[in-house]
PDB file of N, CA and C in Angstrom:
ATOM      1  N   UNK A   1      11.732  27.936  -3.855  1.00  0.00           N
ATOM      2  CA  UNK A   1      11.288  27.260  -2.676  1.00  0.00           C
ATOM      3  C   UNK A   1      10.167  26.241  -3.015  1.00  0.00           C
ATOM      4  N   UNK A   2      10.351  25.007  -2.526  1.00  0.00           N
ATOM      5  CA  UNK A   2       9.366  24.006  -2.702  1.00  0.00           C
ATOM      6  C   UNK A   2       8.198  24.191  -1.779  1.00  0.00           C
ATOM      7  N   UNK A   3       7.030  23.982  -2.269  1.00  0.00           N
ATOM      8  CA  UNK A   3       5.792  24.053  -1.457  1.00  0.00           C
ATOM      9  C   UNK A   3       5.261  22.629  -1.300  1.00  0.00           C
ATOM     10  N   UNK A   4       5.064  22.253   0.011  1.00  0.00           N
ATOM     11  CA  UNK A   4       4.599  20.872   0.234  1.00  0.00           C
ATOM     12  C   UNK A   4       3.201  20.654  -0.410  1.00  0.00           C
ATOM     13  N   UNK A   5       3.014  19.466  -0.912  1.00  0.00           N
ATOM     14  CA  UNK A   5       1.697  19.118  -1.555  1.00  0.00           C
ATOM     15  C   UNK A   5       0.680  18.828  -0.438  1.00  0.00           C
ATOM     16  N   UNK A   6      -0.457  19.450  -0.467  1.00  0.00           N
ATOM     17  CA  UNK A   6      -1.489  19.172   0.467  1.00  0.00           C
ATOM     18  C   UNK A   6      -2.430  18.086  -0.065  1.00  0.00           C
ATOM     19  N   UNK A   7      -2.492  16.882   0.531  1.00  0.00           N
ATOM     20  CA  UNK A   7      -3.237  15.805   0.086  1.00  0.00           C
ATOM     21  C   UNK A   7      -4.637  15.873   0.738  1.00  0.00           C
ATOM     22  N   UNK A   8      -5.750  15.532  -0.050  1.00  0.00           N
ATOM     23  CA  UNK A   8      -7.073  15.483   0.578  1.00  0.00           C
ATOM     24  C   UNK A   8      -7.216  14.214   1.444  1.00  0.00           C
ATOM     25  N   UNK A   9      -6.850  14.270   2.693  1.00  0.00           N
ATOM     26  CA  UNK A   9      -6.719  13.090   3.485  1.00  0.00           C
ATOM     27  C   UNK A   9      -7.998  12.280   3.599  1.00  0.00           C
ATOM     28  N   UNK A  10      -9.144  12.873   3.869  1.00  0.00           N
ATOM     29  CA  UNK A  10     -10.368  12.109   3.954  1.00  0.00           C
ATOM     30  C   UNK A  10     -10.710  11.275   2.730  1.00  0.00           C
ATOM     31  N   UNK A  11     -10.511  11.913   1.590  1.00  0.00           N
ATOM     32  CA  UNK A  11     -10.797  11.249   0.263  1.00  0.00           C
ATOM     33  C   UNK A  11      -9.845  10.178   0.063  1.00  0.00           C
ATOM     34  N   UNK A  12      -8.477  10.396   0.297  1.00  0.00           N
ATOM     35  CA  UNK A  12      -7.549   9.359   0.120  1.00  0.00           C
ATOM     36  C   UNK A  12      -7.761   8.181   1.066  1.00  0.00           C
ATOM     37  N   UNK A  13      -8.105   8.433   2.305  1.00  0.00           N
ATOM     38  CA  UNK A  13      -8.380   7.365   3.239  1.00  0.00           C
ATOM     39  C   UNK A  13      -9.532   6.490   2.741  1.00  0.00           C
ATOM     40  N   UNK A  14     -10.677   7.104   2.276  1.00  0.00           N
ATOM     41  CA  UNK A  14     -11.766   6.329   1.813  1.00  0.00           C
ATOM     42  C   UNK A  14     -11.359   5.423   0.613  1.00  0.00           C
ATOM     43  N   UNK A  15     -10.617   5.999  -0.319  1.00  0.00           N
ATOM     44  CA  UNK A  15     -10.187   5.178  -1.475  1.00  0.00           C
ATOM     45  C   UNK A  15      -9.241   4.071  -1.092  1.00  0.00           C
ATOM     46  N   UNK A  16      -8.281   4.351  -0.238  1.00  0.00           N
ATOM     47  CA  UNK A  16      -7.374   3.346   0.250  1.00  0.00           C
ATOM     48  C   UNK A  16      -8.088   2.253   1.016  1.00  0.00           C
ATOM     49  N   UNK A  17      -8.974   2.614   1.860  1.00  0.00           N
ATOM     50  CA  UNK A  17      -9.694   1.653   2.763  1.00  0.00           C
ATOM     51  C   UNK A  17     -10.548   0.726   1.786  1.00  0.00           C
ATOM     52  N   UNK A  18     -11.148   1.283   0.802  1.00  0.00           N
ATOM     53  CA  UNK A  18     -11.946   0.455  -0.137  1.00  0.00           C
ATOM     54  C   UNK A  18     -11.066  -0.452  -0.923  1.00  0.00           C
ATOM     55  N   UNK A  19      -9.928   0.011  -1.347  1.00  0.00           N
ATOM     56  CA  UNK A  19      -8.937  -0.800  -2.084  1.00  0.00           C
ATOM     57  C   UNK A  19      -8.496  -1.942  -1.241  1.00  0.00           C
ATOM     58  N   UNK A  20      -8.159  -1.683  -0.027  1.00  0.00           N
ATOM     59  CA  UNK A  20      -7.565  -2.754   0.911  1.00  0.00           C
ATOM     60  C   UNK A  20      -8.692  -3.780   1.139  1.00  0.00           C
ATOM     61  N   UNK A  21      -9.940  -3.343   1.374  1.00  0.00           N
ATOM     62  CA  UNK A  21     -11.025  -4.346   1.592  1.00  0.00           C
ATOM     63  C   UNK A  21     -11.291  -5.141   0.357  1.00  0.00           C
ATOM     64  N   UNK A  22     -11.149  -4.608  -0.843  1.00  0.00           N
ATOM     65  CA  UNK A  22     -11.375  -5.415  -2.098  1.00  0.00           C
ATOM     66  C   UNK A  22     -10.221  -6.366  -2.323  1.00  0.00           C
ATOM     67  N   UNK A  23      -9.028  -6.070  -1.811  1.00  0.00           N
ATOM     68  CA  UNK A  23      -7.841  -6.989  -1.958  1.00  0.00           C
ATOM     69  C   UNK A  23      -7.777  -8.005  -0.890  1.00  0.00           C
ATOM     70  N   UNK A  24      -8.737  -8.048   0.015  1.00  0.00           N
ATOM     71  CA  UNK A  24      -8.650  -9.071   1.087  1.00  0.00           C
ATOM     72  C   UNK A  24      -8.614 -10.457   0.505  1.00  0.00           C
ATOM     73  N   UNK A  25      -7.617 -11.296   0.921  1.00  0.00           N
ATOM     74  CA  UNK A  25      -7.468 -12.660   0.412  1.00  0.00           C
ATOM     75  C   UNK A  25      -6.716 -12.660  -0.936  1.00  0.00           C
ATOM     76  N   UNK A  26      -6.433 -11.504  -1.513  1.00  0.00           N
ATOM     77  CA  UNK A  26      -5.693 -11.461  -2.785  1.00  0.00           C
ATOM     78  C   UNK A  26      -4.391 -10.732  -2.537  1.00  0.00           C
ATOM     79  N   UNK A  27      -3.353 -10.718  -3.387  1.00  0.00           N
ATOM     80  CA  UNK A  27      -2.146 -10.055  -3.088  1.00  0.00           C
ATOM     81  C   UNK A  27      -2.285  -8.625  -2.757  1.00  0.00           C
ATOM     82  N   UNK A  28      -1.461  -8.190  -1.839  1.00  0.00           N
ATOM     83  CA  UNK A  28      -1.460  -6.853  -1.301  1.00  0.00           C
ATOM     84  C   UNK A  28      -1.251  -5.875  -2.471  1.00  0.00           C
ATOM     85  N   UNK A  29      -1.918  -4.779  -2.573  1.00  0.00           N
ATOM     86  CA  UNK A  29      -1.701  -3.789  -3.646  1.00  0.00           C
ATOM     87  C   UNK A  29      -0.301  -3.286  -3.643  1.00  0.00           C
ATOM     88  N   UNK A  30       0.223  -3.119  -4.836  1.00  0.00           N
ATOM     89  CA  UNK A  30       1.634  -2.596  -5.003  1.00  0.00           C
ATOM     90  C   UNK A  30       1.448  -1.080  -5.040  1.00  0.00           C
ATOM     91  N   UNK A  31       2.672  -0.445  -4.995  1.00  0.00           N
ATOM     92  CA  UNK A  31       2.680   1.053  -5.143  1.00  0.00           C
ATOM     93  C   UNK A  31       1.972   1.421  -6.434  1.00  0.00           C
ATOM     94  N   UNK A  32       2.275   0.706  -7.530  1.00  0.00           N
ATOM     95  CA  UNK A  32       1.694   1.020  -8.833  1.00  0.00           C
ATOM     96  C   UNK A  32       0.207   0.906  -8.757  1.00  0.00           C
ATOM     97  N   UNK A  33      -0.352  -0.098  -8.043  1.00  0.00           N
ATOM     98  CA  UNK A  33      -1.866  -0.179  -7.861  1.00  0.00           C
ATOM     99  C   UNK A  33      -2.371   1.041  -7.126  1.00  0.00           C
ATOM    100  N   UNK A  34      -1.727   1.454  -6.037  1.00  0.00           N
ATOM    101  CA  UNK A  34      -2.133   2.590  -5.220  1.00  0.00           C
ATOM    102  C   UNK A  34      -2.193   3.811  -6.032  1.00  0.00           C
ATOM    103  N   UNK A  35      -1.079   4.079  -6.879  1.00  0.00           N
ATOM    104  CA  UNK A  35      -1.076   5.273  -7.651  1.00  0.00           C
ATOM    105  C   UNK A  35      -2.228   5.268  -8.615  1.00  0.00           C
ATOM    106  N   UNK A  36      -2.514   4.057  -9.248  1.00  0.00           N
ATOM    107  CA  UNK A  36      -3.634   3.912 -10.203  1.00  0.00           C
ATOM    108  C   UNK A  36      -4.969   4.232  -9.550  1.00  0.00           C
ATOM    109  N   UNK A  37      -5.144   3.746  -8.300  1.00  0.00           N
ATOM    110  CA  UNK A  37      -6.413   3.983  -7.640  1.00  0.00           C
ATOM    111  C   UNK A  37      -6.639   5.402  -7.127  1.00  0.00           C
ATOM    112  N   UNK A  38      -5.534   6.015  -6.614  1.00  0.00           N
ATOM    113  CA  UNK A  38      -5.661   7.398  -6.061  1.00  0.00           C
ATOM    114  C   UNK A  38      -5.505   8.435  -7.089  1.00  0.00           C
ATOM    115  N   UNK A  39      -4.599   8.230  -7.988  1.00  0.00           N
ATOM    116  CA  UNK A  39      -4.388   9.261  -9.105  1.00  0.00           C
ATOM    117  C   UNK A  39      -3.529  10.391  -8.691  1.00  0.00           C
ATOM    118  N   UNK A  40      -3.358  10.648  -7.420  1.00  0.00           N
ATOM    119  CA  UNK A  40      -2.644  11.835  -6.987  1.00  0.00           C
ATOM    120  C   UNK A  40      -1.545  11.572  -5.943  1.00  0.00           C
ATOM    121  N   UNK A  41      -1.515  10.378  -5.341  1.00  0.00           N
ATOM    122  CA  UNK A  41      -0.532  10.138  -4.285  1.00  0.00           C
ATOM    123  C   UNK A  41       0.786   9.824  -4.942  1.00  0.00           C
ATOM    124  N   UNK A  42       1.805  10.692  -4.672  1.00  0.00           N
ATOM    125  CA  UNK A  42       3.103  10.454  -5.266  1.00  0.00           C
ATOM    126  C   UNK A  42       3.742   9.156  -4.704  1.00  0.00           C
ATOM    127  N   UNK A  43       4.486   8.479  -5.597  1.00  0.00           N
ATOM    128  CA  UNK A  43       5.083   7.154  -5.255  1.00  0.00           C
ATOM    129  C   UNK A  43       5.928   7.205  -4.027  1.00  0.00           C
ATOM    130  N   UNK A  44       6.688   8.306  -3.904  1.00  0.00           N
ATOM    131  CA  UNK A  44       7.687   8.386  -2.809  1.00  0.00           C
ATOM    132  C   UNK A  44       6.998   8.681  -1.440  1.00  0.00           C
ATOM    133  N   UNK A  45       5.674   8.943  -1.460  1.00  0.00           N
ATOM    134  CA  UNK A  45       4.973   9.202  -0.211  1.00  0.00           C
ATOM    135  C   UNK A  45       4.027   8.124   0.182  1.00  0.00           C
ATOM    136  N   UNK A  46       3.904   7.059  -0.664  1.00  0.00           N
ATOM    137  CA  UNK A  46       2.984   6.039  -0.339  1.00  0.00           C
ATOM    138  C   UNK A  46       3.209   5.328   1.035  1.00  0.00           C
ATOM    139  N   UNK A  47       4.365   4.852   1.225  1.00  0.00           N
ATOM    140  CA  UNK A  47       4.705   4.189   2.499  1.00  0.00           C
ATOM    141  C   UNK A  47       4.410   5.029   3.718  1.00  0.00           C
ATOM    142  N   UNK A  48       4.883   6.311   3.675  1.00  0.00           N
ATOM    143  CA  UNK A  48       4.647   7.217   4.762  1.00  0.00           C
ATOM    144  C   UNK A  48       3.153   7.441   4.996  1.00  0.00           C
ATOM    145  N   UNK A  49       2.415   7.550   3.919  1.00  0.00           N
ATOM    146  CA  UNK A  49       0.937   7.813   4.011  1.00  0.00           C
ATOM    147  C   UNK A  49       0.218   6.601   4.663  1.00  0.00           C
ATOM    148  N   UNK A  50       0.690   5.391   4.257  1.00  0.00           N
ATOM    149  CA  UNK A  50       0.075   4.198   4.823  1.00  0.00           C
ATOM    150  C   UNK A  50       0.449   4.045   6.352  1.00  0.00           C
ATOM    151  N   UNK A  51       1.695   4.378   6.705  1.00  0.00           N
ATOM    152  CA  UNK A  51       2.114   4.323   8.061  1.00  0.00           C
ATOM    153  C   UNK A  51       1.322   5.355   8.840  1.00  0.00           C
ATOM    154  N   UNK A  52       1.015   6.523   8.284  1.00  0.00           N
ATOM    155  CA  UNK A  52       0.165   7.548   9.016  1.00  0.00           C
ATOM    156  C   UNK A  52      -1.213   6.957   9.184  1.00  0.00           C
ATOM    157  N   UNK A  53      -1.774   6.257   8.228  1.00  0.00           N
ATOM    158  CA  UNK A  53      -3.102   5.591   8.357  1.00  0.00           C
ATOM    159  C   UNK A  53      -3.019   4.578   9.508  1.00  0.00           C
ATOM    160  N   UNK A  54      -1.929   3.872   9.643  1.00  0.00           N
ATOM    161  CA  UNK A  54      -1.746   2.861  10.730  1.00  0.00           C
ATOM    162  C   UNK A  54      -1.672   3.567  12.028  1.00  0.00           C
ATOM    163  N   UNK A  55      -0.966   4.662  12.140  1.00  0.00           N
ATOM    164  CA  UNK A  55      -0.862   5.440  13.402  1.00  0.00           C
ATOM    165  C   UNK A  55      -2.184   5.996  13.807  1.00  0.00           C
ATOM    166  N   UNK A  56      -3.084   6.302  12.880  1.00  0.00           N
ATOM    167  CA  UNK A  56      -4.441   6.826  13.213  1.00  0.00           C
ATOM    168  C   UNK A  56      -5.423   5.692  13.421  1.00  0.00           C
ATOM    169  N   UNK A  57      -4.916   4.440  13.385  1.00  0.00           N
ATOM    170  CA  UNK A  57      -5.809   3.237  13.682  1.00  0.00           C
ATOM    171  C   UNK A  57      -6.691   2.846  12.578  1.00  0.00           C
ATOM    172  N   UNK A  58      -6.534   3.282  11.383  1.00  0.00           N
ATOM    173  CA  UNK A  58      -7.415   2.924  10.275  1.00  0.00           C
ATOM    174  C   UNK A  58      -7.055   1.610   9.631  1.00  0.00           C
ATOM    175  N   UNK A  59      -5.753   1.320   9.588  1.00  0.00           N
ATOM    176  CA  UNK A  59      -5.323   0.050   8.945  1.00  0.00           C
ATOM    177  C   UNK A  59      -4.271  -0.623   9.799  1.00  0.00           C
ATOM    178  N   UNK A  60      -3.929  -1.826   9.456  1.00  0.00           N
ATOM    179  CA  UNK A  60      -2.801  -2.574  10.059  1.00  0.00           C
ATOM    180  C   UNK A  60      -1.838  -2.975   8.988  1.00  0.00           C
ATOM    181  N   UNK A  61      -0.616  -2.960   9.224  1.00  0.00           N
ATOM    182  CA  UNK A  61       0.471  -3.271   8.248  1.00  0.00           C
ATOM    183  C   UNK A  61       1.363  -4.321   8.881  1.00  0.00           C
ATOM    184  N   UNK A  62       1.562  -5.411   8.169  1.00  0.00           N
ATOM    185  CA  UNK A  62       2.486  -6.467   8.670  1.00  0.00           C
ATOM    186  C   UNK A  62       3.596  -6.606   7.606  1.00  0.00           C
ATOM    187  N   UNK A  63       4.835  -6.566   8.078  1.00  0.00           N
ATOM    188  CA  UNK A  63       5.978  -6.655   7.211  1.00  0.00           C
ATOM    189  C   UNK A  63       6.555  -8.115   7.335  1.00  0.00           C
ATOM    190  N   UNK A  64       6.930  -8.791   6.223  1.00  0.00           N
ATOM    191  CA  UNK A  64       7.523 -10.045   6.228  1.00  0.00           C
ATOM    192  C   UNK A  64       8.925  -9.992   6.958  1.00  0.00           C
ATOM    193  N   UNK A  65       9.128 -10.854   7.873  1.00  0.00           N
ATOM    194  CA  UNK A  65      10.386 -10.882   8.663  1.00  0.00           C
ATOM    195  C   UNK A  65      11.556 -11.271   7.822  1.00  0.00           C
ATOM    196  N   UNK A  66      11.325 -12.104   6.834  1.00  0.00           N
ATOM    197  CA  UNK A  66      12.386 -12.618   5.971  1.00  0.00           C
ATOM    198  C   UNK A  66      12.696 -11.701   4.864  1.00  0.00           C
ATOM    199  N   UNK A  67      11.684 -11.236   4.123  1.00  0.00           N
ATOM    200  CA  UNK A  67      11.817 -10.321   3.004  1.00  0.00           C
ATOM    201  C   UNK A  67      11.077  -9.011   3.327  1.00  0.00           C
ATOM    202  N   UNK A  68      11.772  -8.021   3.736  1.00  0.00           N
ATOM    203  CA  UNK A  68      11.221  -6.764   4.259  1.00  0.00           C
ATOM    204  C   UNK A  68      10.471  -5.943   3.150  1.00  0.00           C
ATOM    205  N   UNK A  69      10.699  -6.347   1.843  1.00  0.00           N
ATOM    206  CA  UNK A  69       9.985  -5.648   0.750  1.00  0.00           C
ATOM    207  C   UNK A  69       8.550  -6.128   0.706  1.00  0.00           C
ATOM    208  N   UNK A  70       8.240  -7.279   1.372  1.00  0.00           N
ATOM    209  CA  UNK A  70       6.910  -7.830   1.261  1.00  0.00           C
ATOM    210  C   UNK A  70       6.037  -7.381   2.426  1.00  0.00           C
ATOM    211  N   UNK A  71       4.822  -7.045   2.184  1.00  0.00           N
ATOM    212  CA  UNK A  71       3.933  -6.689   3.303  1.00  0.00           C
ATOM    213  C   UNK A  71       2.553  -7.114   2.985  1.00  0.00           C
ATOM    214  N   UNK A  72       1.652  -6.998   3.967  1.00  0.00           N
ATOM    215  CA  UNK A  72       0.253  -7.193   3.807  1.00  0.00           C
ATOM    216  C   UNK A  72      -0.516  -6.156   4.619  1.00  0.00           C
ATOM    217  N   UNK A  73      -1.668  -5.900   4.258  1.00  0.00           N
ATOM    218  CA  UNK A  73      -2.515  -4.908   4.867  1.00  0.00           C
ATOM    219  C   UNK A  73      -3.830  -5.398   5.307  1.00  0.00           C
ATOM    220  N   UNK A  74      -4.491  -4.740   6.193  1.00  0.00           N
ATOM    221  CA  UNK A  74      -5.936  -5.026   6.407  1.00  0.00           C
ATOM    222  C   UNK A  74      -6.529  -3.732   7.066  1.00  0.00           C
ATOM    223  N   UNK A  75      -7.803  -3.537   6.767  1.00  0.00           N
ATOM    224  CA  UNK A  75      -8.531  -2.469   7.461  1.00  0.00           C
ATOM    225  C   UNK A  75      -8.578  -2.916   8.904  1.00  0.00           C
ATOM    226  N   UNK A  76      -8.453  -1.996   9.892  1.00  0.00           N
ATOM    227  CA  UNK A  76      -8.377  -2.369  11.311  1.00  0.00           C
ATOM    228  C   UNK A  76      -9.475  -3.326  11.648  1.00  0.00           C
ATOM    229  N   UNK A  77      -9.085  -4.573  12.101  1.00  0.00           N
ATOM    230  CA  UNK A  77      -9.994  -5.652  12.487  1.00  0.00           C
ATOM    231  C   UNK A  77     -10.586  -6.458  11.323  1.00  0.00           C
ATOM    232  N   UNK A  78     -10.234  -6.136  10.072  1.00  0.00           N
ATOM    233  CA  UNK A  78     -10.741  -6.873   8.930  1.00  0.00           C
ATOM    234  C   UNK A  78      -9.896  -8.010   8.550  1.00  0.00           C
ATOM    235  N   UNK A  79     -10.125  -8.506   7.310  1.00  0.00           N
ATOM    236  CA  UNK A  79      -9.418  -9.643   6.716  1.00  0.00           C
ATOM    237  C   UNK A  79      -8.102  -9.048   6.110  1.00  0.00           C
ATOM    238  N   UNK A  80      -7.045  -9.847   6.251  1.00  0.00           N
ATOM    239  CA  UNK A  80      -5.752  -9.528   5.672  1.00  0.00           C
ATOM    240  C   UNK A  80      -5.773  -9.724   4.167  1.00  0.00           C
ATOM    241  N   UNK A  81      -4.959  -8.816   3.459  1.00  0.00           N
ATOM    242  CA  UNK A  81      -4.658  -9.148   2.105  1.00  0.00           C
ATOM    243  C   UNK A  81      -3.572 -10.287   2.107  1.00  0.00           C
ATOM    244  N   UNK A  82      -3.312 -10.850   0.962  1.00  0.00           N
ATOM    245  CA  UNK A  82      -2.206 -11.809   0.930  1.00  0.00           C
ATOM    246  C   UNK A  82      -0.865 -11.007   0.847  1.00  0.00           C
ATOM    247  N   UNK A  83       0.268 -11.626   0.927  1.00  0.00           N
ATOM    248  CA  UNK A  83       1.509 -10.880   0.919  1.00  0.00           C
ATOM    249  C   UNK A  83       1.663 -10.270  -0.470  1.00  0.00           C
ATOM    250  N   UNK A  84       2.420  -9.153  -0.522  1.00  0.00           N
ATOM    251  CA  UNK A  84       2.738  -8.490  -1.763  1.00  0.00           C
ATOM    252  C   UNK A  84       3.391  -9.477  -2.709  1.00  0.00           C
ATOM    253  N   UNK A  85       2.880  -9.531  -3.895  1.00  0.00           N
ATOM    254  CA  UNK A  85       3.379 -10.421  -4.968  1.00  0.00           C
ATOM    255  C   UNK A  85       4.760  -9.782  -5.491  1.00  0.00           C
ATOM    256  N   UNK A  86       5.739 -10.608  -5.601  1.00  0.00           N
ATOM    257  CA  UNK A  86       6.954 -10.198  -6.229  1.00  0.00           C
ATOM    258  C   UNK A  86       6.803 -10.385  -7.746  1.00  0.00           C
ATOM    259  N   UNK A  87       7.317  -9.477  -8.545  1.00  0.00           N
ATOM    260  CA  UNK A  87       7.185  -9.571  -9.982  1.00  0.00           C
ATOM    261  C   UNK A  87       8.234 -10.598 -10.509  1.00  0.00           C
ATOM    262  N   UNK A  88       7.826 -11.835 -10.646  1.00  0.00           N
ATOM    263  CA  UNK A  88       8.709 -12.803 -11.140  1.00  0.00           C
ATOM    264  C   UNK A  88       9.333 -12.571 -12.470  1.00  0.00           C
ATOM    265  N   UNK A  89       8.580 -11.983 -13.378  1.00  0.00           N
ATOM    266  CA  UNK A  89       9.166 -11.629 -14.680  1.00  0.00           C
ATOM    267  C   UNK A  89      10.312 -10.739 -14.511  1.00  0.00           C
ATOM    268  N   UNK A  90      10.238  -9.738 -13.700  1.00  0.00           N
ATOM    269  CA  UNK A  90      11.343  -8.694 -13.438  1.00  0.00           C
ATOM    270  C   UNK A  90      12.506  -9.507 -12.803  1.00  0.00           C
ATOM    271  N   UNK A  91      12.254 -10.366 -11.891  1.00  0.00           N
ATOM    272  CA  UNK A  91      13.326 -11.082 -11.152  1.00  0.00           C
ATOM    273  C   UNK A  91      14.057 -12.013 -12.112  1.00  0.00           C
ATOM    274  N   UNK A  92      13.340 -12.652 -13.032  1.00  0.00           N
ATOM    275  CA  UNK A  92      14.032 -13.542 -13.972  1.00  0.00           C
ATOM    276  C   UNK A  92      14.850 -12.770 -14.954  1.00  0.00           C
ATOM    277  N   UNK A  93      14.394 -11.566 -15.383  1.00  0.00           N
ATOM    278  CA  UNK A  93      15.168 -10.724 -16.288  1.00  0.00           C
ATOM    279  C   UNK A  93      16.441 -10.297 -15.693  1.00  0.00           C
ATOM    280  N   UNK A  94      16.426 -10.039 -14.425  1.00  0.00           N
ATOM    281  CA  UNK A  94      17.657  -9.589 -13.759  1.00  0.00           C
ATOM    282  C   UNK A  94      18.680 -10.669 -13.570  1.00  0.00           C
ATOM    283  N   UNK A  95      18.141 -11.877 -13.338  1.00  0.00           N
ATOM    284  CA  UNK A  95      19.054 -13.116 -13.164  1.00  0.00           C
ATOM    285  C   UNK A  95      19.685 -13.545 -14.481  1.00  0.00           C
ATOM    286  N   UNK A  96      19.069 -13.299 -15.627  1.00  0.00           N
ATOM    287  CA  UNK A  96      19.620 -13.729 -16.896  1.00  0.00           C
ATOM    288  C   UNK A  96      20.785 -12.859 -17.340  1.00  0.00           C
TER     289      UNK A  96
END
């Protein structure tokens, strides 16, 4: 039987809010960046956790209408990060 992982919500919120504030005006942090900053947040739970923070009114998330893989974040009422940067090197390797 799998036991759900209990995440330290207050600590994660503080780390993610600081990260989003530091990325204001720069590309939105990627999942890899978020894993590096938090150290414990599983990759598959990042989007759900961020959406939970949005539901609690801590952050705002905007999704690009054309490319739904791109998003940007801001602490509620703060400055937006730039859109998530696409990894051009990865895209070029796939095209070749």
